[in-house]
Amino acid sequence: MSGMLNEVESRFYPESEVACLDIADVPEGRQRCRFLAVGFEDKTVKVMSLDPESYLSRISMQALPAQPESVALVTL
């Protein structure tokens, strides 16, 4: 509610360096978004959960032919 971001715990230890990331828009009436997309230097993109019950668990992964430079989550 204060507009401040506070790290309370670190739980994410990727196998590769993060190259890019995107956090989905927060839907109207909600306090947080559900997904995070992370592009890694090992040529993969992973979609991860931001739900409190399954925080940072991998939902999906896509291998790419080159290192990602940007990712974007789009709601259709």
PDB file of N, CA and C in Angstrom:
ATOM      1  N   MET A   1       0.808  -1.195   0.000  1.00  0.00           N
ATOM      2  CA  MET A   1       0.000   0.000   0.000  1.00  0.00           C
ATOM      3  C   MET A   1       0.859   1.271   0.000  1.00  0.00           C
ATOM      4  N   SER A   2       2.075   1.189   0.545  1.00  0.00           N
ATOM      5  CA  SER A   2       2.911   2.382   0.657  1.00  0.00           C
ATOM      6  C   SER A   2       3.642   2.705  -0.641  1.00  0.00           C
ATOM      7  N   GLY A   3       3.618   1.783  -1.610  1.00  0.00           N
ATOM      8  CA  GLY A   3       4.349   2.007  -2.854  1.00  0.00           C
ATOM      9  C   GLY A   3       5.820   1.655  -2.755  1.00  0.00           C
ATOM     10  N   MET A   4       6.230   1.063  -1.645  1.00  0.00           N
ATOM     11  CA  MET A   4       7.628   0.687  -1.436  1.00  0.00           C
ATOM     12  C   MET A   4       7.803  -0.806  -1.696  1.00  0.00           C
ATOM     13  N   LEU A   5       8.955  -1.174  -2.222  1.00  0.00           N
ATOM     14  CA  LEU A   5       9.296  -2.565  -2.451  1.00  0.00           C
ATOM     15  C   LEU A   5      10.350  -2.960  -1.428  1.00  0.00           C
ATOM     16  N   ASN A   6      10.029  -3.944  -0.608  1.00  0.00           N
ATOM     17  CA  ASN A   6      10.943  -4.394   0.438  1.00  0.00           C
ATOM     18  C   ASN A   6      11.271  -5.862   0.234  1.00  0.00           C
ATOM     19  N   GLU A   7      12.562  -6.201   0.163  1.00  0.00           N
ATOM     20  CA  GLU A   7      12.956  -7.599   0.078  1.00  0.00           C
ATOM     21  C   GLU A   7      12.897  -8.192   1.484  1.00  0.00           C
ATOM     22  N   VAL A   8      12.124  -9.261   1.630  1.00  0.00           N
ATOM     23  CA  VAL A   8      12.001  -9.890   2.935  1.00  0.00           C
ATOM     24  C   VAL A   8      12.690 -11.247   2.975  1.00  0.00           C
ATOM     25  N   GLU A   9      12.937 -11.813   1.791  1.00  0.00           N
ATOM     26  CA  GLU A   9      13.578 -13.115   1.737  1.00  0.00           C
ATOM     27  C   GLU A   9      14.094 -13.338   0.323  1.00  0.00           C
ATOM     28  N   SER A  10      15.204 -14.017   0.190  1.00  0.00           N
ATOM     29  CA  SER A  10      15.736 -14.340  -1.120  1.00  0.00           C
ATOM     30  C   SER A  10      15.590 -15.842  -1.331  1.00  0.00           C
ATOM     31  N   ARG A  11      14.838 -16.245  -2.365  1.00  0.00           N
ATOM     32  CA  ARG A  11      14.564 -17.656  -2.605  1.00  0.00           C
ATOM     33  C   ARG A  11      14.926 -18.084  -4.016  1.00  0.00           C
ATOM     34  N   PHE A  12      15.487 -17.205  -4.792  1.00  0.00           N
ATOM     35  CA  PHE A  12      15.695 -17.459  -6.210  1.00  0.00           C
ATOM     36  C   PHE A  12      17.179 -17.540  -6.499  1.00  0.00           C
ATOM     37  N   TYR A  13      17.652 -18.721  -6.855  1.00  0.00           N
ATOM     38  CA  TYR A  13      19.051 -18.922  -7.166  1.00  0.00           C
ATOM     39  C   TYR A  13      19.149 -19.572  -8.545  1.00  0.00           C
ATOM     40  N   PRO A  14      19.123 -18.765  -9.608  1.00  0.00           N
ATOM     41  CA  PRO A  14      19.119 -19.330 -10.960  1.00  0.00           C
ATOM     42  C   PRO A  14      20.439 -20.011 -11.304  1.00  0.00           C
ATOM     43  N   GLU A  15      20.353 -20.983 -12.219  1.00  0.00           N
ATOM     44  CA  GLU A  15      21.541 -21.698 -12.679  1.00  0.00           C
ATOM     45  C   GLU A  15      22.362 -20.846 -13.639  1.00  0.00           C
ATOM     46  N   SER A  16      21.743 -19.830 -14.236  1.00  0.00           N
ATOM     47  CA  SER A  16      22.381 -18.971 -15.219  1.00  0.00           C
ATOM     48  C   SER A  16      22.071 -17.514 -14.883  1.00  0.00           C
ATOM     49  N   GLU A  17      22.860 -16.601 -15.440  1.00  0.00           N
ATOM     50  CA  GLU A  17      22.636 -15.173 -15.200  1.00  0.00           C
ATOM     51  C   GLU A  17      21.343 -14.713 -15.872  1.00  0.00           C
ATOM     52  N   VAL A  18      20.632 -13.807 -15.214  1.00  0.00           N
ATOM     53  CA  VAL A  18      19.403 -13.235 -15.761  1.00  0.00           C
ATOM     54  C   VAL A  18      19.771 -12.207 -16.818  1.00  0.00           C
ATOM     55  N   ALA A  19      19.169 -12.327 -18.017  1.00  0.00           N
ATOM     56  CA  ALA A  19      19.419 -11.395 -19.108  1.00  0.00           C
ATOM     57  C   ALA A  19      18.311 -10.350 -19.212  1.00  0.00           C
ATOM     58  N   CYS A  20      17.072 -10.740 -18.903  1.00  0.00           N
ATOM     59  CA  CYS A  20      15.934  -9.828 -18.997  1.00  0.00           C
ATOM     60  C   CYS A  20      14.771 -10.418 -18.209  1.00  0.00           C
ATOM     61  N   LEU A  21      13.805  -9.569 -17.895  1.00  0.00           N
ATOM     62  CA  LEU A  21      12.616 -10.063 -17.199  1.00  0.00           C
ATOM     63  C   LEU A  21      11.448  -9.116 -17.416  1.00  0.00           C
ATOM     64  N   ASP A  22      10.240  -9.636 -17.179  1.00  0.00           N
ATOM     65  CA  ASP A  22       9.025  -8.842 -17.253  1.00  0.00           C
ATOM     66  C   ASP A  22       8.039  -9.398 -16.241  1.00  0.00           C
ATOM     67  N   ILE A  23       7.340  -8.502 -15.591  1.00  0.00           N
ATOM     68  CA  ILE A  23       6.288  -8.870 -14.646  1.00  0.00           C
ATOM     69  C   ILE A  23       4.961  -8.478 -15.275  1.00  0.00           C
ATOM     70  N   ALA A  24       3.996  -9.384 -15.221  1.00  0.00           N
ATOM     71  CA  ALA A  24       2.688  -9.121 -15.819  1.00  0.00           C
ATOM     72  C   ALA A  24       1.999  -7.956 -15.122  1.00  0.00           C
ATOM     73  N   ASP A  25       1.052  -7.338 -15.845  1.00  0.00           N
ATOM     74  CA  ASP A  25       0.250  -6.267 -15.255  1.00  0.00           C
ATOM     75  C   ASP A  25      -0.578  -6.817 -14.106  1.00  0.00           C
ATOM     76  N   VAL A  26      -0.831  -5.976 -13.122  1.00  0.00           N
ATOM     77  CA  VAL A  26      -1.683  -6.354 -12.001  1.00  0.00           C
ATOM     78  C   VAL A  26      -3.136  -6.159 -12.432  1.00  0.00           C
ATOM     79  N   PRO A  27      -3.931  -7.248 -12.438  1.00  0.00           N
ATOM     80  CA  PRO A  27      -5.326  -7.115 -12.843  1.00  0.00           C
ATOM     81  C   PRO A  27      -6.108  -6.207 -11.888  1.00  0.00           C
ATOM     82  N   GLU A  28      -7.099  -5.536 -12.434  1.00  0.00           N
ATOM     83  CA  GLU A  28      -7.929  -4.651 -11.614  1.00  0.00           C
ATOM     84  C   GLU A  28      -8.569  -5.456 -10.489  1.00  0.00           C
ATOM     85  N   GLY A  29      -8.524  -4.902  -9.292  1.00  0.00           N
ATOM     86  CA  GLY A  29      -9.098  -5.567  -8.128  1.00  0.00           C
ATOM     87  C   GLY A  29      -8.159  -6.519  -7.422  1.00  0.00           C
ATOM     88  N   ARG A  30      -6.941  -6.711  -7.942  1.00  0.00           N
ATOM     89  CA  ARG A  30      -5.956  -7.588  -7.302  1.00  0.00           C
ATOM     90  C   ARG A  30      -4.797  -6.765  -6.771  1.00  0.00           C
ATOM     91  N   GLN A  31      -4.034  -7.323  -5.859  1.00  0.00           N
ATOM     92  CA  GLN A  31      -2.894  -6.625  -5.278  1.00  0.00           C
ATOM     93  C   GLN A  31      -1.564  -7.026  -5.906  1.00  0.00           C
ATOM     94  N   ARG A  32      -1.554  -8.119  -6.639  1.00  0.00           N
ATOM     95  CA  ARG A  32      -0.301  -8.573  -7.256  1.00  0.00           C
ATOM     96  C   ARG A  32      -0.610  -9.275  -8.561  1.00  0.00           C
ATOM     97  N   CYS A  33       0.413  -9.371  -9.400  1.00  0.00           N
ATOM     98  CA  CYS A  33       0.269 -10.116 -10.650  1.00  0.00           C
ATOM     99  C   CYS A  33       0.579 -11.584 -10.374  1.00  0.00           C
ATOM    100  N   ARG A  34       0.276 -12.430 -11.330  1.00  0.00           N
ATOM    101  CA  ARG A  34       0.429 -13.866 -11.119  1.00  0.00           C
ATOM    102  C   ARG A  34       1.706 -14.440 -11.717  1.00  0.00           C
ATOM    103  N   PHE A  35       2.313 -13.733 -12.699  1.00  0.00           N
ATOM    104  CA  PHE A  35       3.413 -14.334 -13.444  1.00  0.00           C
ATOM    105  C   PHE A  35       4.612 -13.409 -13.593  1.00  0.00           C
ATOM    106  N   LEU A  36       5.754 -14.032 -13.762  1.00  0.00           N
ATOM    107  CA  LEU A  36       7.018 -13.365 -14.023  1.00  0.00           C
ATOM    108  C   LEU A  36       7.699 -14.140 -15.141  1.00  0.00           C
ATOM    109  N   ALA A  37       8.177 -13.458 -16.167  1.00  0.00           N
ATOM    110  CA  ALA A  37       8.942 -14.108 -17.236  1.00  0.00           C
ATOM    111  C   ALA A  37      10.396 -13.680 -17.100  1.00  0.00           C
ATOM    112  N   VAL A  38      11.303 -14.654 -17.153  1.00  0.00           N
ATOM    113  CA  VAL A  38      12.727 -14.373 -16.983  1.00  0.00           C
ATOM    114  C   VAL A  38      13.496 -14.998 -18.141  1.00  0.00           C
ATOM    115  N   GLY A  39      14.294 -14.178 -18.830  1.00  0.00           N
ATOM    116  CA  GLY A  39      15.186 -14.662 -19.877  1.00  0.00           C
ATOM    117  C   GLY A  39      16.577 -14.831 -19.292  1.00  0.00           C
ATOM    118  N   PHE A  40      17.209 -15.958 -19.576  1.00  0.00           N
ATOM    119  CA  PHE A  40      18.516 -16.272 -19.009  1.00  0.00           C
ATOM    120  C   PHE A  40      19.594 -16.324 -20.088  1.00  0.00           C
ATOM    121  N   GLU A  41      20.829 -16.124 -19.663  1.00  0.00           N
ATOM    122  CA  GLU A  41      21.967 -16.176 -20.591  1.00  0.00           C
ATOM    123  C   GLU A  41      22.213 -17.572 -21.147  1.00  0.00           C
ATOM    124  N   ASP A  42      21.597 -18.608 -20.570  1.00  0.00           N
ATOM    125  CA  ASP A  42      21.757 -19.967 -21.099  1.00  0.00           C
ATOM    126  C   ASP A  42      20.767 -20.261 -22.234  1.00  0.00           C
ATOM    127  N   LYS A  43      20.191 -19.193 -22.815  1.00  0.00           N
ATOM    128  CA  LYS A  43      19.281 -19.280 -23.961  1.00  0.00           C
ATOM    129  C   LYS A  43      17.940 -19.918 -23.617  1.00  0.00           C
ATOM    130  N   THR A  44      17.430 -19.633 -22.427  1.00  0.00           N
ATOM    131  CA  THR A  44      16.107 -20.107 -22.034  1.00  0.00           C
ATOM    132  C   THR A  44      15.276 -18.939 -21.509  1.00  0.00           C
ATOM    133  N   VAL A  45      13.957 -19.100 -21.586  1.00  0.00           N
ATOM    134  CA  VAL A  45      13.007 -18.185 -20.959  1.00  0.00           C
ATOM    135  C   VAL A  45      12.104 -19.041 -20.082  1.00  0.00           C
ATOM    136  N   LYS A  46      11.917 -18.622 -18.844  1.00  0.00           N
ATOM    137  CA  LYS A  46      11.064 -19.365 -17.911  1.00  0.00           C
ATOM    138  C   LYS A  46       9.960 -18.448 -17.412  1.00  0.00           C
ATOM    139  N   VAL A  47       8.746 -18.989 -17.358  1.00  0.00           N
ATOM    140  CA  VAL A  47       7.618 -18.288 -16.765  1.00  0.00           C
ATOM    141  C   VAL A  47       7.455 -18.859 -15.367  1.00  0.00           C
ATOM    142  N   MET A  48       7.425 -17.956 -14.378  1.00  0.00           N
ATOM    143  CA  MET A  48       7.389 -18.375 -12.980  1.00  0.00           C
ATOM    144  C   MET A  48       6.168 -17.800 -12.285  1.00  0.00           C
ATOM    145  N   SER A  49       5.709 -18.512 -11.265  1.00  0.00           N
ATOM    146  CA  SER A  49       4.543 -18.105 -10.510  1.00  0.00           C
ATOM    147  C   SER A  49       4.917 -17.061  -9.468  1.00  0.00           C
ATOM    148  N   LEU A  50       4.033 -16.088  -9.275  1.00  0.00           N
ATOM    149  CA  LEU A  50       4.187 -15.122  -8.187  1.00  0.00           C
ATOM    150  C   LEU A  50       3.090 -15.284  -7.145  1.00  0.00           C
ATOM    151  N   ASP A  51       2.303 -16.374  -7.252  1.00  0.00           N
ATOM    152  CA  ASP A  51       1.296 -16.657  -6.240  1.00  0.00           C
ATOM    153  C   ASP A  51       1.986 -17.022  -4.930  1.00  0.00           C
ATOM    154  N   PRO A  52       1.478 -16.531  -3.800  1.00  0.00           N
ATOM    155  CA  PRO A  52       2.139 -16.812  -2.514  1.00  0.00           C
ATOM    156  C   PRO A  52       2.278 -18.305  -2.207  1.00  0.00           C
ATOM    157  N   GLU A  53       1.341 -19.143  -2.655  1.00  0.00           N
ATOM    158  CA  GLU A  53       1.390 -20.581  -2.362  1.00  0.00           C
ATOM    159  C   GLU A  53       2.455 -21.316  -3.174  1.00  0.00           C
ATOM    160  N   SER A  54       2.834 -20.764  -4.326  1.00  0.00           N
ATOM    161  CA  SER A  54       3.812 -21.432  -5.191  1.00  0.00           C
ATOM    162  C   SER A  54       4.849 -20.439  -5.708  1.00  0.00           C
ATOM    163  N   TYR A  55       5.278 -19.542  -4.856  1.00  0.00           N
ATOM    164  CA  TYR A  55       6.146 -18.429  -5.224  1.00  0.00           C
ATOM    165  C   TYR A  55       7.420 -18.898  -5.918  1.00  0.00           C
ATOM    166  N   LEU A  56       7.667 -18.363  -7.098  1.00  0.00           N
ATOM    167  CA  LEU A  56       8.843 -18.606  -7.934  1.00  0.00           C
ATOM    168  C   LEU A  56       8.979 -20.048  -8.423  1.00  0.00           C
ATOM    169  N   SER A  57       7.882 -20.806  -8.407  1.00  0.00           N
ATOM    170  CA  SER A  57       7.942 -22.131  -9.017  1.00  0.00           C
ATOM    171  C   SER A  57       7.809 -21.968 -10.525  1.00  0.00           C
ATOM    172  N   ARG A  58       8.520 -22.803 -11.269  1.00  0.00           N
ATOM    173  CA  ARG A  58       8.519 -22.701 -12.725  1.00  0.00           C
ATOM    174  C   ARG A  58       7.212 -23.241 -13.289  1.00  0.00           C
ATOM    175  N   ILE A  59       6.574 -22.453 -14.129  1.00  0.00           N
ATOM    176  CA  ILE A  59       5.344 -22.864 -14.799  1.00  0.00           C
ATOM    177  C   ILE A  59       5.659 -23.434 -16.175  1.00  0.00           C
ATOM    178  N   SER A  60       6.571 -22.783 -16.891  1.00  0.00           N
ATOM    179  CA  SER A  60       6.972 -23.284 -18.205  1.00  0.00           C
ATOM    180  C   SER A  60       8.377 -22.798 -18.544  1.00  0.00           C
ATOM    181  N   MET A  61       8.955 -23.442 -19.572  1.00  0.00           N
ATOM    182  CA  MET A  61      10.286 -23.063 -20.017  1.00  0.00           C
ATOM    183  C   MET A  61      10.352 -23.217 -21.531  1.00  0.00           C
ATOM    184  N   GLN A  62      11.074 -22.313 -22.178  1.00  0.00           N
ATOM    185  CA  GLN A  62      11.275 -22.379 -23.625  1.00  0.00           C
ATOM    186  C   GLN A  62      12.754 -22.200 -23.914  1.00  0.00           C
ATOM    187  N   ALA A  63      13.348 -23.143 -24.639  1.00  0.00           N
ATOM    188  CA  ALA A  63      14.731 -23.012 -25.089  1.00  0.00           C
ATOM    189  C   ALA A  63      14.734 -22.191 -26.376  1.00  0.00           C
ATOM    190  N   LEU A  64      15.725 -21.336 -26.526  1.00  0.00           N
ATOM    191  CA  LEU A  64      15.828 -20.446 -27.673  1.00  0.00           C
ATOM    192  C   LEU A  64      17.113 -20.701 -28.442  1.00  0.00           C
ATOM    193  N   PRO A  65      17.181 -20.284 -29.726  1.00  0.00           N
ATOM    194  CA  PRO A  65      18.416 -20.461 -30.481  1.00  0.00           C
ATOM    195  C   PRO A  65      19.504 -19.440 -30.112  1.00  0.00           C
ATOM    196  N   ALA A  66      19.126 -18.376 -29.401  1.00  0.00           N
ATOM    197  CA  ALA A  66      20.088 -17.344 -28.994  1.00  0.00           C
ATOM    198  C   ALA A  66      19.674 -16.788 -27.631  1.00  0.00           C
ATOM    199  N   GLN A  67      20.577 -16.074 -27.011  1.00  0.00           N
ATOM    200  CA  GLN A  67      20.276 -15.482 -25.704  1.00  0.00           C
ATOM    201  C   GLN A  67      19.169 -14.432 -25.850  1.00  0.00           C
ATOM    202  N   PRO A  68      18.149 -14.463 -24.996  1.00  0.00           N
ATOM    203  CA  PRO A  68      17.072 -13.467 -25.096  1.00  0.00           C
ATOM    204  C   PRO A  68      17.567 -12.083 -24.704  1.00  0.00           C
ATOM    205  N   GLU A  69      17.055 -11.070 -25.391  1.00  0.00           N
ATOM    206  CA  GLU A  69      17.385  -9.687 -25.086  1.00  0.00           C
ATOM    207  C   GLU A  69      16.250  -8.977 -24.374  1.00  0.00           C
ATOM    208  N   SER A  70      15.021  -9.484 -24.557  1.00  0.00           N
ATOM    209  CA  SER A  70      13.862  -8.917 -23.871  1.00  0.00           C
ATOM    210  C   SER A  70      12.762  -9.957 -23.845  1.00  0.00           C
ATOM    211  N   VAL A  71      11.870  -9.837 -22.879  1.00  0.00           N
ATOM    212  CA  VAL A  71      10.677 -10.679 -22.783  1.00  0.00           C
ATOM    213  C   VAL A  71       9.502  -9.765 -22.450  1.00  0.00           C
ATOM    214  N   ALA A  72       8.316 -10.203 -22.812  1.00  0.00           N
ATOM    215  CA  ALA A  72       7.123  -9.417 -22.519  1.00  0.00           C
ATOM    216  C   ALA A  72       5.952 -10.358 -22.271  1.00  0.00           C
ATOM    217  N   LEU A  73       5.212 -10.108 -21.216  1.00  0.00           N
ATOM    218  CA  LEU A  73       3.985 -10.844 -20.924  1.00  0.00           C
ATOM    219  C   LEU A  73       2.822  -9.987 -21.411  1.00  0.00           C
ATOM    220  N   VAL A  74       1.966 -10.585 -22.222  1.00  0.00           N
ATOM    221  CA  VAL A  74       0.845  -9.870 -22.814  1.00  0.00           C
ATOM    222  C   VAL A  74      -0.441 -10.593 -22.466  1.00  0.00           C
ATOM    223  N   THR A  75      -1.438  -9.874 -22.016  1.00  0.00           N
ATOM    224  CA  THR A  75      -2.740 -10.446 -21.727  1.00  0.00           C
ATOM    225  C   THR A  75      -3.625 -10.318 -22.953  1.00  0.00           C
ATOM    226  N   LEU A  76      -4.209 -11.440 -23.384  1.00  0.00           N
ATOM    227  CA  LEU A  76      -5.106 -11.423 -24.541  1.00  0.00           C
ATOM    228  C   LEU A  76      -6.541 -11.565 -24.088  1.00  0.00           C
TER     229      LEU A  76
END
